[in-house]
Amino acid sequence: MSTPTLEQFQQQVSELLLRHRSLLDVLSKYSQSGASVNRAVAKSVTECGCIELNARKQEYPDDANLEQAKTKLHHHINGELCEHCRDAIKNELGRNLFYISAMCNLLDIQLDDVVAQESGKCSTLGLFNLT
């Protein structure tokens, strides 16, 4: 079985979305699904313990080039997700993607256009994209 395209996934969501046809319903479900992603990640730290967080201020060396800076910055994660936590987070991310697709459908926006536009920004702006 091949991986569906974003267009195919968006069409599938359109066919399945029955209960939450209102934009307000989809917005609230999208927000709720985002919170569920955050909760699943938090539970992997606080309940399972497969990953740990060791967050601290990021130190940006003044004399380093961009490649050197990338190696100096930390993601603050120790350990790896266990299979159970990985599956739980993937499930919640999938639900979040479902509601993003539903919102795109209601607003007549193609999700693949959104991804292409954002990818173009990333290519053009590089590291300055999210500052």
Protein backbone atom coordinates (compact mmCIF):
# COMPACT_ATOMS: atom_id res chain seq x y z
CA MET A 1 0.00 0.00 0.00
CA SER A 2 1.41 3.38 -0.99
CA THR A 3 1.42 6.44 1.21
CA PRO A 4 -1.47 8.75 0.36
CA THR A 5 -0.70 12.23 -0.87
CA LEU A 6 -1.80 15.26 1.11
CA GLU A 7 -4.49 15.83 -1.52
CA GLN A 8 -5.80 12.27 -1.10
CA PHE A 9 -5.75 12.59 2.69
CA GLN A 10 -7.60 15.90 2.53
CA GLN A 11 -10.25 14.32 0.28
CA GLN A 12 -10.58 11.39 2.68
CA VAL A 13 -11.09 13.78 5.60
CA SER A 14 -13.74 15.61 3.61
CA GLU A 15 -15.64 12.36 3.09
CA LEU A 16 -15.37 11.31 6.74
CA LEU A 17 -16.13 14.59 8.49
CA LEU A 18 -19.79 14.41 9.41
CA ARG A 19 -20.20 15.62 12.97
CA HIS A 20 -17.99 18.67 12.94
CA ARG A 21 -18.96 20.54 9.77
CA SER A 22 -19.00 23.94 11.48
CA LEU A 23 -15.78 25.92 11.31
CA LEU A 24 -16.14 26.69 15.03
CA ASP A 25 -16.46 22.97 15.81
CA VAL A 26 -13.36 22.20 13.74
CA LEU A 27 -11.39 25.04 15.36
CA SER A 28 -12.22 23.78 18.83
CA LYS A 29 -11.43 20.16 17.90
CA TYR A 30 -8.13 21.28 16.34
CA SER A 31 -7.24 23.14 19.52
CA GLN A 32 -8.21 20.14 21.63
CA SER A 33 -6.13 17.81 19.46
CA GLY A 34 -3.11 20.10 19.84
CA ALA A 35 -3.50 19.94 23.61
CA SER A 36 -3.69 16.14 23.34
CA VAL A 37 -0.37 16.09 21.46
CA ASN A 38 1.19 18.16 24.23
CA ARG A 39 -0.30 15.89 26.88
CA ALA A 40 0.99 12.72 25.19
CA VAL A 41 4.50 14.18 25.07
CA ALA A 42 4.26 15.28 28.71
CA LYS A 43 3.11 11.80 29.76
CA SER A 44 6.14 10.24 28.06
CA VAL A 45 8.22 12.33 30.47
CA THR A 46 6.15 12.28 33.65
CA GLU A 47 4.42 8.90 33.60
CA CYS A 48 6.52 6.62 31.41
CA GLY A 49 9.89 8.28 31.82
CA CYS A 50 11.25 7.02 28.50
CA ILE A 51 12.44 10.55 27.79
CA GLU A 52 13.66 13.23 30.16
CA LEU A 53 13.84 16.99 29.72
CA ASN A 54 16.85 18.95 30.80
CA ALA A 55 15.98 22.47 29.67
CA ARG A 56 18.24 25.43 30.15
CA LYS A 57 19.07 28.67 28.42
CA GLN A 58 20.47 28.20 24.95
CA GLU A 59 23.95 29.63 24.59
CA TYR A 60 24.57 31.14 21.15
CA PRO A 61 28.30 31.57 20.55
CA ASP A 62 29.03 34.96 19.00
CA ASP A 63 32.01 33.76 16.99
CA ALA A 64 30.47 30.55 15.59
CA ASN A 65 29.17 30.16 12.06
CA LEU A 66 25.70 28.72 11.45
CA GLU A 67 26.87 25.11 11.13
CA GLN A 68 28.84 25.35 14.37
CA ALA A 69 25.87 26.97 16.12
CA LYS A 70 23.65 24.04 15.12
CA THR A 71 25.99 21.60 16.88
CA LYS A 72 26.14 23.75 20.03
CA LEU A 73 22.38 24.09 20.52
CA HIS A 74 20.51 21.48 22.54
CA HIS A 75 17.07 19.91 22.09
CA HIS A 76 16.83 19.29 25.84
CA ILE A 77 15.71 15.66 25.39
CA ASN A 78 17.50 12.72 26.98
CA GLY A 79 16.50 9.19 26.02
CA GLU A 80 14.23 7.88 23.28
CA LEU A 81 10.50 7.39 23.06
CA CYS A 82 9.42 3.86 23.86
CA GLU A 83 7.15 2.12 21.37
CA HIS A 84 4.02 2.81 23.45
CA CYS A 85 4.71 6.56 23.79
CA ARG A 86 5.75 6.86 20.13
CA ASP A 87 2.46 5.24 19.07
CA ALA A 88 0.45 7.47 21.40
CA ILE A 89 2.11 10.65 20.10
CA LYS A 90 1.76 9.54 16.47
CA ASN A 91 -1.94 8.88 17.11
CA GLU A 92 -2.45 12.36 18.57
CA LEU A 93 -0.45 13.99 15.76
CA GLY A 94 -2.63 12.14 13.26
CA ARG A 95 -5.79 13.46 14.88
CA ASN A 96 -4.30 16.96 14.82
CA LEU A 97 -3.51 16.57 11.12
CA PHE A 98 -7.09 15.38 10.54
CA TYR A 99 -8.49 18.62 11.97
CA ILE A 100 -5.95 20.74 10.08
CA SER A 101 -7.19 19.03 6.91
CA ALA A 102 -10.80 19.58 7.92
CA MET A 103 -10.12 23.28 8.49
CA CYS A 104 -8.46 23.51 5.07
CA ASN A 105 -11.51 21.85 3.50
CA LEU A 106 -13.94 24.26 5.12
CA LEU A 107 -11.85 27.27 4.07
CA ASP A 108 -11.20 25.93 0.55
CA ILE A 109 -7.43 25.74 1.07
CA GLN A 110 -5.33 22.92 -0.34
CA LEU A 111 -3.08 21.43 2.34
CA ASP A 112 -0.40 20.62 -0.22
CA ASP A 113 -0.37 24.32 -1.19
CA VAL A 114 0.18 25.23 2.46
CA VAL A 115 3.08 22.76 2.71
CA ALA A 116 4.58 23.96 -0.59
CA GLN A 117 4.33 27.60 0.51
CA GLU A 118 5.92 26.90 3.88
CA SER A 119 8.65 24.82 2.25
CA GLY A 120 9.36 27.70 -0.11
CA LYS A 121 9.70 30.05 2.86
CA CYS A 122 12.06 27.63 4.55
CA SER A 123 14.17 27.38 1.41
CA THR A 124 14.27 31.13 0.92
CA LEU A 125 14.67 32.29 4.50
CA GLY A 126 16.62 29.33 5.86
CA LEU A 127 17.43 29.69 9.53
CA PHE A 128 15.76 33.10 9.68
CA ASN A 129 12.34 31.59 8.91
CA LEU A 130 11.22 31.14 12.53
CA THR A 131 12.98 33.98 14.29
